[in-house]
């Protein structure tokens, strides 16, 4: 009798220690709901942090450019193979090349750009391979092309006025970023009045400009840093 009672008690405890099929389905449903709610917020936070990093890196470049201009005067223009961040690195005003967490990551190993040298107080670049596929810092002579297609040579900082004719324009080139990243960067730097309402249109106003994204939602963004 006692053995029968003991076996019954063990079975009862074993039954209570497991989960029923309905309980397991309920738990899985709750997990699925949490994943659906939390994951988008996690990815959104990661994307936002990358844009924040980009904005901070551009501020660092602006400081280095200001220091360069104060020390050497004229900012030299760049070509297809030369990049201004390499010059700032050579001049000891940057610790590393301009690299962002948005857009196309740098190749590994990096594509070698032109080497910079200072002769008689004038900086010149020579050699190197094309940097056109790389995120980088450029300095170009201003023109009157619509900023969204000027490739960093013109900006409407107030929403309508071209930069002064013949000015040397320093800009960050962000290759192949998503339209969403470009739009968020524009809102972060320019504010909503000088940014587009959505990520499908070209942006020609303010410090952040870009052409309309392609079918894959990709565009090149240009960020004004300073002009001289």
Foldseek 3Di string as FASTA:
>chain_A
DVVVVVVVVVVVVVVVVDDDPVVVVVVVVVVVVCCVPPVVVVVVVVLLVQLVVLVVLLVLVLVLVVVCCVVQNDDDFDDQQDFVQLVSVVVVSDVDFDAGPFADGADVVHFFGWHWDADPSDIDTDDTDGCVQDWGKGKDFADPPQQQPPQQRWAAAVFDDTDDGRKTWIKTKGHWGALVSLQVSCCVQPNDVQGDPDSQQFRRHRQKTHHGAPPVRTTMIIGTSDID
